[in-house]
Structure formats: structure tokens, C-alpha cells
Protein backbone atom coordinates (compact mmCIF):
# COMPACT_ATOMS: atom_id res chain seq x y z
CA MET A 1 8.09 7.93 -2.28
CA SER A 2 11.61 6.60 -2.93
CA ASN A 3 12.42 4.58 -6.06
CA ASP A 4 13.42 1.61 -3.93
CA THR A 5 10.07 1.37 -2.20
CA LYS A 6 8.16 1.95 -5.42
CA SER A 7 9.92 -0.89 -7.26
CA GLU A 8 8.59 -3.47 -4.83
CA THR A 9 4.97 -2.88 -5.75
CA ASP A 10 4.94 -1.20 -9.13
CA LEU A 11 5.15 -4.46 -11.07
CA GLU A 12 2.66 -3.52 -13.72
CA GLY A 13 3.83 0.03 -14.28
CA HIS A 14 2.51 3.23 -12.75
CA LEU A 15 -0.22 3.70 -15.36
CA ASN A 16 -1.93 0.40 -14.61
CA TYR A 17 -1.31 0.28 -10.90
CA GLU A 18 -4.43 0.55 -8.75
CA GLY A 19 -3.03 -0.44 -5.40
CA PRO A 20 -3.13 -3.78 -3.67
CA LYS A 21 -6.32 -5.76 -4.22
CA SER A 22 -6.15 -7.64 -0.92
CA PHE A 23 -4.11 -8.05 2.19
CA GLU A 24 -2.19 -10.88 0.45
CA ASP A 25 -0.99 -8.27 -2.09
CA VAL A 26 0.23 -5.98 0.68
CA HIS A 27 1.78 -8.39 3.15
CA LEU A 28 3.91 -11.50 3.25
CA PHE A 29 2.75 -14.82 1.82
CA VAL A 30 2.16 -17.43 4.54
CA PRO A 31 3.15 -20.98 3.59
CA ASP A 32 0.58 -23.70 4.32
CA THR A 33 2.04 -25.72 7.14
CA SER A 34 -1.21 -27.55 8.05
CA SER A 35 -1.47 -30.16 5.32
CA ASP A 36 -2.82 -32.82 7.67
CA LYS A 37 -5.52 -30.51 8.95
CA SER A 38 -6.40 -29.52 5.39
CA ALA A 39 -6.98 -33.20 4.57
CA ILE A 40 -9.33 -33.52 7.57
CA VAL A 41 -11.24 -30.40 6.51
CA SER A 42 -11.54 -31.78 2.92
CA GLU A 43 -12.95 -35.08 4.28
CA GLU A 44 -15.47 -33.17 6.38
CA LYS A 45 -16.63 -31.21 3.31
CA VAL A 46 -17.16 -34.47 1.37
CA LEU A 47 -19.36 -35.83 4.17
CA LYS A 48 -21.30 -32.55 4.26
CA LYS A 49 -21.89 -32.73 0.50
CA HIS A 50 -23.10 -36.33 0.77
CA LYS A 51 -25.57 -35.32 3.47
CA ARG A 52 -26.77 -32.38 1.36
CA ASP A 53 -27.24 -34.64 -1.64
CA GLN A 54 -29.38 -36.96 0.45
CA LEU A 55 -31.56 -34.12 1.67
CA ASN A 56 -32.00 -32.75 -1.84
CA VAL A 57 -33.65 -35.99 -3.00
CA LEU A 58 -37.18 -34.81 -2.26
CA PRO A 59 -40.36 -36.55 -3.42
CA ASN A 60 -41.41 -35.36 -6.85
CA LEU A 61 -44.82 -34.18 -5.76
CA PRO A 62 -46.95 -31.24 -6.76
CA ASP A 63 -47.03 -28.23 -4.41
CA ASP A 64 -50.80 -27.92 -4.54
CA GLU A 65 -52.94 -29.47 -1.86
CA VAL A 66 -53.93 -33.20 -2.33
CA VAL A 67 -56.96 -34.82 -0.77
CA ASP A 68 -56.00 -38.41 -0.21
CA ASP A 69 -54.18 -39.55 2.90
CA LYS A 70 -51.14 -40.64 0.94
CA GLY A 71 -50.80 -37.26 -0.77
CA LYS A 72 -51.18 -35.33 2.49
CA LYS A 73 -48.55 -37.44 4.17
CA SER A 74 -46.24 -36.93 1.17
CA ASN A 75 -46.62 -33.18 1.29
CA GLU A 76 -46.00 -33.18 5.02
CA LEU A 77 -42.85 -35.22 4.43
CA LYS A 78 -41.73 -32.79 1.78
CA LYS A 79 -42.19 -29.85 4.14
CA ILE A 80 -40.28 -31.63 6.92
CA ILE A 81 -37.35 -32.44 4.57
CA SER A 82 -37.34 -28.85 3.21
CA LYS A 83 -37.15 -27.43 6.70
CA SER A 84 -34.37 -29.88 7.57
CA LEU A 85 -32.43 -28.76 4.46
CA GLU A 86 -32.80 -25.06 5.47
CA GLU A 87 -31.61 -25.75 9.02
CA PHE A 88 -28.67 -27.83 7.74
CA THR A 89 -27.70 -25.08 5.21
CA ALA A 90 -27.71 -22.48 8.01
CA THR A 91 -25.64 -24.71 10.25
CA GLU A 92 -23.19 -25.49 7.43
CA LYS A 93 -22.80 -21.80 6.61
CA LYS A 94 -21.96 -20.95 10.23
CA SER A 95 -19.57 -23.90 10.36
CA ASP A 96 -17.83 -22.66 7.19
CA GLN A 97 -17.52 -19.17 8.68
CA ASP A 98 -16.04 -20.62 11.89
CA ASP A 99 -13.61 -22.72 9.79
CA ALA A 100 -12.56 -19.65 7.77
CA HIS A 101 -12.04 -17.61 10.94
CA GLN A 102 -9.98 -20.41 12.49
CA ARG A 103 -7.91 -20.80 9.27
CA SER A 104 -7.30 -17.04 9.27
CA SER A 105 -6.28 -17.16 12.93
CA ASN A 106 -3.99 -20.17 12.26
CA GLU A 107 -2.39 -18.45 9.26
CA SER A 108 -1.91 -15.30 11.34
CA ASN A 109 -0.25 -17.32 14.10
CA VAL A 110 2.07 -19.04 11.61
CA GLN A 111 2.90 -15.79 9.91
CA ASN A 112 3.70 -13.95 13.11
CA SER A 113 5.58 -16.91 14.59
CA LEU A 114 7.90 -16.56 11.59
CA PHE A 115 8.12 -12.80 12.01
CA ASP A 116 11.40 -11.65 13.40
CA SER A 117 12.12 -8.00 14.12
CA PRO A 118 14.55 -6.17 16.44
CA LEU A 119 11.49 -4.22 17.66
CA VAL A 120 9.72 -7.38 18.94
CA VAL A 121 10.38 -8.48 22.51
CA THR A 122 9.09 -11.33 24.62
CA GLU A 123 7.97 -11.60 28.24
CA GLU A 124 11.21 -13.35 29.13
CA ASP A 125 13.56 -10.57 28.15
CA TRP A 126 11.52 -7.45 28.79
CA PRO A 127 11.57 -4.75 30.06
CA LEU A 128 15.10 -5.70 30.99
CA LYS A 129 17.02 -8.86 31.55
CA LYS A 130 15.55 -10.40 34.69
CA HIS A 131 18.94 -11.34 36.16
CA LEU A 132 21.45 -9.04 37.80
CA VAL A 133 24.81 -9.04 36.08
CA PRO A 134 27.94 -7.25 37.28
CA ILE A 135 29.16 -4.77 34.71
CA ARG A 136 32.50 -5.38 33.04
CA TYR A 137 34.00 -3.16 30.40
CA SER A 138 37.30 -1.79 29.17
CA THR A 139 38.16 1.43 30.89
CA SER A 140 41.25 2.36 28.95
CA LEU A 141 41.01 2.63 25.22
CA GLY A 142 43.81 0.77 23.51
CA ARG A 143 44.73 -1.11 26.68
CA THR A 144 43.54 -4.40 28.11
CA SER A 145 42.72 -3.33 31.67
CA SER A 146 39.14 -3.77 32.76
CA ARG A 147 36.79 -2.85 35.60
CA GLU A 148 34.25 -4.92 37.44
CA THR A 149 31.57 -3.34 39.59
CA SER A 150 31.45 -4.01 43.28
CA ALA A 151 29.93 -2.46 46.35
CA THR A 152 33.08 -0.45 46.94
CA GLN A 153 33.94 0.46 43.37
CA PRO A 154 30.82 1.48 41.36
CA ILE A 155 30.87 2.73 37.83
CA LYS A 156 30.06 6.45 37.81
CA VAL A 157 28.01 8.01 35.02
CA ALA A 158 27.52 11.65 34.22
CA PHE A 159 24.83 13.06 31.92
CA ILE A 160 25.40 16.34 30.06
CA ARG A 161 23.07 18.47 28.04
CA ASN A 162 22.23 22.19 27.76
CA CYS A 163 20.63 23.99 30.68
CA ILE A 164 16.96 24.74 30.86
CA GLN A 165 17.96 28.40 31.30
CA ASP A 166 18.96 30.36 28.23
CA ASP A 167 22.59 30.59 29.33
CA PRO A 168 24.99 30.18 26.38
CA HIS A 169 27.77 28.94 28.67
CA CYS A 170 25.81 26.43 30.69
CA VAL A 171 25.92 22.66 30.49
CA GLU A 172 23.37 20.95 32.66
CA GLN A 173 23.99 17.98 34.88
CA LYS A 174 20.53 16.44 34.87
CA ARG A 175 19.61 14.13 37.73
CA VAL A 176 18.11 10.76 36.75
CA ASN A 177 16.71 7.92 38.82
CA LEU A 178 19.42 5.50 37.74
CA GLU A 179 19.67 3.44 40.90
CA GLY A 180 15.89 3.19 41.43
CA GLU A 181 14.83 2.05 37.92
CA CYS A 182 17.56 -0.20 36.62
CA PRO A 183 18.39 -3.72 37.97
CA TYR A 184 22.16 -3.39 37.47
CA PRO A 185 24.30 -3.11 40.58
CA GLY A 186 27.23 -0.76 40.71
CA LEU A 187 26.04 1.86 38.23
CA VAL A 188 25.68 5.28 39.94
CA GLN A 189 25.35 8.88 38.86
CA THR A 190 27.87 11.61 39.55
CA GLU A 191 28.03 15.33 39.03
CA ASP A 192 31.85 15.33 38.97
CA TRP A 193 32.69 15.11 35.26
CA ASN A 194 36.41 14.58 35.94
CA SER A 195 35.87 11.55 38.10
CA ALA A 196 33.11 10.00 35.96
CA ASP A 197 33.93 6.70 34.23
CA ILE A 198 31.31 7.38 31.54
CA ILE A 199 29.85 10.62 30.26
CA VAL A 200 26.68 10.56 28.16
CA TYR A 201 26.13 13.61 25.91
CA SER A 202 22.64 14.50 24.74
CA VAL A 203 24.23 16.02 21.65
CA TRP A 204 21.13 17.37 19.94
CA ARG A 205 20.51 19.67 22.90
CA ILE A 206 24.05 21.00 22.89
CA ARG A 207 23.38 23.89 20.51
CA ARG A 208 26.57 25.98 20.87
CA GLU A 209 30.24 25.13 20.67
CA SER A 210 30.94 27.15 23.79
CA TYR A 211 28.97 24.60 25.82
CA VAL A 212 31.75 22.02 25.59
CA GLN A 213 34.92 24.12 25.48
CA ASP A 214 35.65 23.83 29.14
CA ILE A 215 35.12 20.07 29.57
CA GLN A 216 38.45 18.38 30.25
CA ARG A 217 38.58 14.65 29.55
CA PRO A 218 40.74 12.47 31.79
CA PRO A 219 42.45 9.39 30.26
CA GLY A 220 40.26 6.31 30.02
CA GLN A 221 36.94 8.14 30.33
CA ILE A 222 34.28 6.78 27.94
CA TRP A 223 32.06 9.22 26.02
CA VAL A 224 28.66 8.14 24.70
CA MET A 225 26.78 10.03 21.98
CA LEU A 226 23.05 10.07 22.76
CA SER A 227 20.41 11.28 20.28
CA VAL A 228 16.92 10.15 19.39
CA GLU A 229 16.29 12.98 16.91
CA ALA A 230 16.43 12.52 13.15
CA PRO A 231 19.53 13.92 11.47
CA SER A 232 17.39 16.11 9.23
CA ARG A 233 16.01 18.05 12.19
CA LYS A 234 17.21 21.70 12.37
CA THR A 235 20.99 21.73 12.84
CA ASN A 236 21.62 18.36 11.17
CA HIS A 237 23.74 17.47 14.24
CA ILE A 238 26.49 19.90 13.27
CA GLN A 239 27.48 19.94 16.92
CA LEU A 240 29.12 16.56 16.42
CA ASP A 241 31.80 18.43 14.49
CA TYR A 242 32.58 20.86 17.32
CA PRO A 243 36.32 20.56 18.17
CA GLY A 244 35.45 19.57 21.73
CA LEU A 245 33.34 16.61 20.51
CA LYS A 246 34.59 15.45 17.10
CA GLY A 247 36.63 12.23 17.33
CA GLN A 248 35.90 11.99 21.07
CA PHE A 249 33.02 9.51 21.21
CA ASN A 250 33.43 5.81 21.96
CA LEU A 251 29.85 4.53 21.85
CA THR A 252 26.66 5.54 20.08
CA MET A 253 23.13 5.43 21.53
CA SER A 254 20.24 6.34 19.24
CA TYR A 255 17.05 5.18 17.53
CA ARG A 256 19.27 3.63 14.86
CA LEU A 257 19.20 -0.12 15.12
CA ASP A 258 22.88 -0.38 14.27
CA SER A 259 23.88 1.84 17.19
CA ASP A 260 26.14 0.36 19.87
CA ILE A 261 23.17 0.83 22.18
CA PRO A 262 19.93 0.88 20.18
CA LEU A 263 17.25 3.08 21.71
CA PRO A 264 14.16 2.92 19.45
CA TYR A 265 11.00 4.83 20.36
CA GLY A 266 9.26 1.66 21.40
CA TYR A 267 8.98 -2.12 21.18
CA LEU A 268 6.12 -4.51 20.40
CA GLN A 269 5.08 -7.65 22.25
CA ARG A 270 2.73 -10.45 21.15
CA GLN A 271 -0.48 -10.89 23.14
CA GLU A 272 -3.83 -12.67 23.00
CA VAL A 273 -6.74 -10.95 21.25
CA PRO A 274 -9.11 -9.56 23.91
CA GLU A 275 -11.96 -11.98 24.60
CA GLY A 276 -15.56 -10.83 24.55
CA LYS A 277 -14.90 -7.76 22.44
CA ASP A 278 -17.91 -6.77 20.32
CA TRP A 279 -16.21 -6.19 16.96
CA ASP A 280 -19.49 -5.50 15.20
CA ALA A 281 -20.19 -2.69 17.61
CA VAL A 282 -16.71 -1.27 17.08
CA TYR A 283 -17.28 -1.15 13.36
CA SER A 284 -20.81 0.30 13.59
CA LYS A 285 -19.64 3.26 15.65
CA LYS A 286 -17.09 4.42 13.04
CA ARG A 287 -18.34 7.69 11.54
CA PHE A 288 -15.29 9.19 9.88
CA HIS A 289 -12.39 7.97 7.75
CA ASP A 290 -8.94 9.18 8.74
CA ALA A 291 -7.60 11.26 11.64
CA TRP A 292 -4.26 13.05 11.82
CA LEU A 293 -3.02 14.72 15.01
CA VAL A 294 -0.10 16.97 14.14
CA SER A 295 1.84 19.92 15.55
CA HIS A 296 4.59 20.62 12.97
CA CYS A 297 2.95 22.02 9.86
CA SER A 298 6.00 22.18 7.56
CA THR A 299 8.30 19.13 7.62
CA HIS A 300 11.25 17.57 5.86
CA SER A 301 9.12 14.56 4.86
CA ARG A 302 6.51 16.84 3.17
CA ARG A 303 3.84 14.79 4.82
CA GLU A 304 1.47 17.84 4.81
CA LYS A 305 1.51 17.88 0.99
CA TYR A 306 0.73 14.13 0.82
CA VAL A 307 -2.26 14.65 3.15
CA ARG A 308 -3.60 17.34 0.89
CA LEU A 309 -3.28 14.98 -2.08
CA LEU A 310 -5.22 12.36 -0.18
CA GLN A 311 -7.94 14.87 0.49
CA ASP A 312 -7.99 15.96 -3.18
CA ALA A 313 -8.40 12.30 -4.09
CA GLY A 314 -11.66 12.17 -2.08
CA LEU A 315 -10.34 10.76 1.19
CA GLU A 316 -11.87 12.24 4.35
CA VAL A 317 -8.96 13.33 6.58
CA HIS A 318 -9.65 15.35 9.71
CA VAL A 319 -6.56 17.23 10.88
CA TYR A 320 -6.34 17.79 14.67
CA GLY A 321 -4.00 20.24 16.39
CA LYS A 322 -2.61 23.58 15.37
CA CYS A 323 -2.18 22.48 11.77
CA GLY A 324 -5.89 21.78 11.28
CA ASN A 325 -9.35 22.86 12.38
CA TYR A 326 -10.40 19.87 14.51
CA SER A 327 -10.14 19.75 18.27
CA CYS A 328 -9.90 16.87 20.72
CA GLN A 329 -12.43 18.71 22.87
CA SER A 330 -15.20 19.80 20.52
CA GLY A 331 -14.44 17.87 17.36
CA ARG A 332 -14.39 21.09 15.31
CA THR A 333 -12.53 24.18 16.52
CA SER A 334 -8.85 23.92 17.24
CA THR A 335 -7.00 26.01 19.84
CA PRO A 336 -3.28 26.13 20.61
CA GLU A 337 -3.89 24.19 23.80
CA ASP A 338 -5.34 21.28 21.82
CA ASP A 339 -1.98 20.61 20.30
CA ARG A 340 -0.59 19.76 23.72
CA GLN A 341 -3.44 17.53 24.83
CA PRO A 342 -2.18 14.08 25.89
CA ASP A 343 -3.21 10.94 24.03
CA SER A 344 -5.46 10.10 26.94
CA VAL A 345 -7.68 13.01 25.92
CA CYS A 346 -7.53 12.71 22.12
CA MET A 347 -7.26 8.99 21.36
CA PRO A 348 -10.54 7.78 22.96
CA HIS A 349 -12.54 10.06 20.64
CA ILE A 350 -10.44 9.26 17.58
CA SER A 351 -10.41 5.53 18.33
CA LYS A 352 -14.18 5.38 18.56
CA SER A 353 -15.09 7.46 15.52
CA TYR A 354 -12.33 6.86 12.93
CA PHE A 355 -11.23 3.88 10.83
CA PHE A 356 -7.56 4.99 10.34
CA TYR A 357 -4.88 7.06 11.94
CA LEU A 358 -2.16 8.73 9.85
CA SER A 359 1.20 7.92 11.49
CA PHE A 360 3.31 10.11 9.21
CA GLU A 361 6.87 10.90 10.33
CA ASN A 362 8.31 14.37 10.05
CA ALA A 363 11.52 12.97 8.50
CA MET A 364 12.24 10.15 6.05
CA CYS A 365 15.16 8.50 7.86
CA ARG A 366 16.43 5.00 8.20
CA ASP A 367 14.94 3.09 11.21
CA TYR A 368 13.08 6.26 12.25
CA ILE A 369 9.76 5.02 13.70
CA THR A 370 8.48 7.27 16.48
CA GLU A 371 5.63 7.22 18.98
CA LYS A 372 3.28 8.23 16.15
CA THR A 373 3.19 4.60 15.07
CA PHE A 374 3.85 2.84 18.37
CA LYS A 375 0.95 4.51 20.20
CA ILE A 376 -1.54 2.94 17.78
CA PHE A 377 -0.49 -0.42 19.22
CA ASP A 378 -2.06 0.65 22.50
CA PRO A 379 -5.59 -0.75 22.96
CA VAL A 380 -7.19 1.62 20.42
CA ASP A 381 -9.47 0.60 17.59
CA LEU A 382 -7.52 2.19 14.77
CA ILE A 383 -5.43 0.88 11.91
CA PRO A 384 -2.22 2.93 11.38
CA VAL A 385 -1.34 4.26 7.95
CA VAL A 386 2.40 4.70 8.18
CA MET A 387 4.81 6.90 6.21
CA GLY A 388 8.52 7.19 6.90
CA GLY A 389 12.01 6.13 5.91
CA ALA A 390 12.09 2.87 7.92
CA ASP A 391 11.61 -0.55 6.34
CA ASN A 392 8.19 -1.08 7.90
CA LYS A 393 7.63 -4.49 6.29
CA LYS A 394 10.63 -5.83 8.16
CA LEU A 395 10.08 -4.00 11.45
CA LEU A 396 6.33 -4.00 12.04
CA PRO A 397 4.04 -7.09 12.25
CA PRO A 398 2.37 -8.02 8.97
CA GLY A 399 -1.33 -7.43 8.62
CA THR A 400 -1.42 -4.68 11.21
CA PHE A 401 -0.83 -1.52 9.17
CA VAL A 402 -1.09 0.15 5.77
CA ASP A 403 2.19 1.42 4.31
CA VAL A 404 2.25 4.48 2.07
CA ALA A 405 5.39 3.12 0.44
CA GLU A 406 3.42 0.31 -1.17
CA PHE A 407 1.32 2.67 -3.27
CA ALA A 408 2.38 4.46 -6.43
CA SER A 409 0.32 7.54 -5.67
CA ALA A 410 -1.85 9.21 -3.04
CA ARG A 411 -4.85 8.53 -5.27
CA ASP A 412 -4.15 4.81 -5.21
CA LEU A 413 -3.84 4.83 -1.44
CA ALA A 414 -7.05 6.87 -1.02
CA LYS A 415 -8.93 4.35 -3.21
CA TYR A 416 -7.56 1.41 -1.21
CA LEU A 417 -8.45 2.92 2.19
CA ILE A 418 -11.96 3.72 1.10
CA GLN A 419 -12.47 0.15 -0.17
CA LEU A 420 -10.98 -1.30 3.03
CA ALA A 421 -13.20 0.78 5.31
CA ASN A 422 -16.27 -0.27 3.33
CA ASP A 423 -15.37 -3.97 3.63
CA LYS A 424 -16.37 -4.83 7.20
CA GLU A 425 -14.90 -8.36 7.19
CA ARG A 426 -11.54 -7.29 5.86
CA TYR A 427 -11.29 -4.23 8.08
CA LEU A 428 -12.14 -6.07 11.30
CA SER A 429 -9.77 -8.91 10.34
CA MET A 430 -6.95 -6.41 10.13
CA LEU A 431 -8.01 -4.66 13.35
CA ARG A 432 -8.11 -7.98 15.22
CA GLU A 433 -4.58 -8.71 14.00
CA LYS A 434 -3.42 -5.34 15.20
CA HIS A 435 -4.82 -6.14 18.65
CA ARG A 436 -2.58 -9.22 18.78
CA TRP A 437 0.28 -6.82 19.53
CA ARG A 438 0.84 -4.21 22.21
CA ARG A 439 3.31 -1.40 22.67
CA VAL A 440 6.03 -1.72 25.21
CA ALA A 441 7.71 1.54 26.27
CA ARG A 442 11.40 1.80 25.67
CA PRO A 443 13.64 1.83 28.74
CA GLN A 444 15.27 4.98 29.96
CA TRP A 445 18.61 5.62 28.34
CA TYR A 446 20.50 4.83 31.54
CA CYS A 447 18.81 1.41 31.83
CA ALA A 448 19.72 0.64 28.21
CA LEU A 449 23.29 1.68 28.98
CA GLY A 450 23.36 -0.58 32.07
CA GLU A 451 22.06 -3.56 30.13
CA LYS A 452 24.60 -3.06 27.35
CA LEU A 453 27.46 -2.79 29.81
CA ALA A 454 26.22 -5.89 31.65
CA THR A 455 25.96 -8.01 28.48
CA GLY A 456 29.25 -6.89 27.01
CA VAL A 457 30.47 -3.90 25.03
CA GLN A 458 33.84 -2.87 23.67
CA PRO A 459 34.31 0.92 23.41
CA LYS A 460 36.15 2.22 20.36
CA ILE A 461 37.31 5.51 18.97
CA LEU A 462 34.79 7.03 16.57
CA THR A 463 36.72 9.51 14.44
CA ASP A 464 33.68 10.95 12.57
CA THR A 465 30.44 10.37 14.43
CA ARG A 466 28.56 13.00 12.41
CA THR A 467 29.17 11.25 9.14
CA TRP A 468 28.05 7.93 10.63
CA TYR A 469 24.87 9.51 11.98
CA THR A 470 23.86 11.72 9.05
CA LYS A 471 25.33 10.54 5.73
CA ASP A 472 22.79 8.82 3.45
CA GLN A 473 20.43 8.31 6.38
CA CYS A 474 17.57 10.59 5.31
CA TYR A 475 16.04 11.84 2.09
CA ARG A 476 13.57 14.56 1.15
CA PRO A 477 10.90 13.13 -1.21
CA ASP A 478 10.57 15.09 -4.41
CA ASP A 479 8.02 12.85 -6.14
CA ILE A 480 5.14 12.94 -3.62
CA GLY A 481 1.80 12.34 -5.24
């Protein structure tokens, strides 16, 4: 992995590093904010010890049978007290377990109440702002004039990408359900590029310069760059340097969290742990270790090599899809169709039978967390093992995932995962914490645009969008292993 991520965990040096020993080693420290409660618990333990001491003061009598009435009564008393001590010990043990579970739950609540991430949303502000706000924005770059939506003067948006047909001179005007899905009045779609107030370009799909040569831009029209693909994919977004596009964009919309309009692959929302769930049954049904569902067999992140190293280190990894020999249907033989099976077909089987799911990105890029990770926050009984270029410790809830970046080698990670799977209490504790969060699907791009326009945005002239989107954003790991 990168030197930056290694330095956070490799405190003892690579030769002595064996991976985190506990969840506390992996995740954030939670300060004790319950001092008053701790005092009460301590007082209860003192009382319990006093009661135990009293019960332990048994008559010093022989265990063999005695014949006189006094001896018989004494032995009976000894048996009664011994039974009482056993019952008390069992009750005390259960009470201690309940206390430990409650403390763990309280610590988790404190930890996550302090957790702040741009990927976390609440019921109050999701999926979109609940109030309707007229859209105001500057229509003329470099001038102070502005527009406000009204019933008679809506803001017109056009969406441009390449055609479905293989026509090198075609730019598609794709229809979207803008008016039906977004609670923002006055935002409508148009097919007339010249009269549009805003044009959104799906730039990754514009593969040839000839696609944009004939687009004439009227004064004051706002251009938005839209892309949710990593810069390392295929063309490296060279189309942003086409003469018809370079220096023309005014707003950015992408998975990058510093975009004018952030459009990540998903969000997370806090929820209550499901009641009545039989966690022991969940654990007992696990038969295999790690599952990986993958369609791209050679990637910029070199994740396929890392998986082979995990397997060489003794970790059981079953690879599903066209890159492996496991099928969502049979569990063994893969066919090309299996790679296109929806999660509704594959995940129930994987969730039931496996401990972990490998959420490995195809590119190591800043902020790049795709559905590979977010889908494990659906109600599935899996812990994600994440690999990518995003700062997962800052973006994902603590105690809900295992991060490849925190291990010096694949062997260290394999050892840790094997130990974690064999420790029922630790594994289920982490799984319960993961179930405290759920995935929330990202809005459609046009809803995100409407929200941004409604809450305020100032278009600008971006002279070199490609440099902003690609420079120093991704890296190809050379030290995997």
C-alpha cells in the first residue's frame, strides 16, 4: 500500500509487525464519558464481592456422612450454601456479561456520535432537503445579473453524452425524470442546447473529439462536468482537453468530495440494531472465510495480485464471477452470465455462508469508494474488507470494516482475518456494529444539481478541468504484498 497509509500502523517496523491485536488497535480510541456510571458499577461490584465473601464462609465440616442429628443438619446446611453460591456465581456471570455488552454498546454510541463524515446523512436532510426552495444562480459569468425560477421562467437543463449507437458523430440527448423525482420547482429538461441555461456533460462517455465540435455555446450558458469514473480508467479523461471542452466548464460534479456538486456512490445513515436477531445462529451458519465477486480481472489497483497473496498466506478466498470459478447459482462453476447476476441473487448466499466480503476497488484514487463497499451496509451478515485510495478511517464508521491499509502485508491481514473469524465474540461485536448503519442510495445527478442550485452556488471559469480531476489523484501500488 502507500507509504502514507503504512506509516500510521507500522510503529514497530515491518519485521515485527503482526497486524492489530484488537479492534482498539485498528479503530479510534473512545474517551470514557461515563465517569458517574463507572462509579455506580464499581459500587455494585463491591457489594457483590461482600455477598460472595459471606457465602464462602462455609462450616468447616467433613464431607463424609455423619450420624448425629447435629452433623446431618450441618451437612445439609453446607449443601444449601454451596448450591446458593453456585446460583449466585451463575447470576453474577450473566450480569457481568450484560454489563460488558451494555458498556460496549455505550462506547459504540459515544464513538459514533462523535463520528463526522461527509458520507453520513440524517433522517432530517435525506434524501433531499424537505423544503422547496426557488433556485437562484448567476447566469452570466463575470456579471452580477441573476435568475430566479418561477412558473413562467423555469431553468432549462440539457444532458449530453455519446449515443447508444456506434455513431462517431452522435451526441445523445438522454431523457431523465427530472420533474418527477426532484422537489425543486422550476427545473426542467430541454433538448434545445442553444436555449438551455445549463448543459451537463457526461464527459467520460464522450470518447471522440468530433462529438463536441458542432456544439455552439451561447453567452451566459453554464457547463457542468459530470463524471463518477476514476481518472485512471481507460482514457484518463483526455476528453477534458478537447478544444471544444477545455476551459469551458463552470461547475464540477463527481464522486470527489471537493467537487462543486459532490456525487459519491452512496451515503450512510445511523439506525437501530435489529431486535430479535439470532446472532449465534448467524455465526454458526458461516462455512467459508472470504468471498469476492469481481468482473474486471486486471486492474490499476492490482487487487487481483493482492488476493493471490492472501490465498498464498492460507486465507480461504472464493472468487465469484468471470475472474474465478465460483458461481452464485451452484457455488462452484462460473459462467459468463454469473458475472451479471444482481446482488439480489448473489448476496443472500454469500451473506449466509461467508464471514467477510472483499470490497476491493479497481483504482486507488482519492475519495473513490464505490458500491462495492456501500452494498455491504445493506442488511447482509458480512464484514467488508476494504481496499482503495480513500481515507476510509475518516469516511466510514469505525468498528464496521477491516482496512487493508492498516496492515503491512497480505500475510498480516490474512492472519488477522483468520483470528477474527475464530473469535465469535469479537466477530459478532463487529457485525452488530456494522448493522447500526445502512446504505442510502445517492440521488440522481439532476436532483443533486437542483439541490446545489437551491442552496447556493457561484459558477466560475475552470481553465484546466483535467488537471484538477486527474493530477495526483490516483496511484498504482508497486509494493503490494
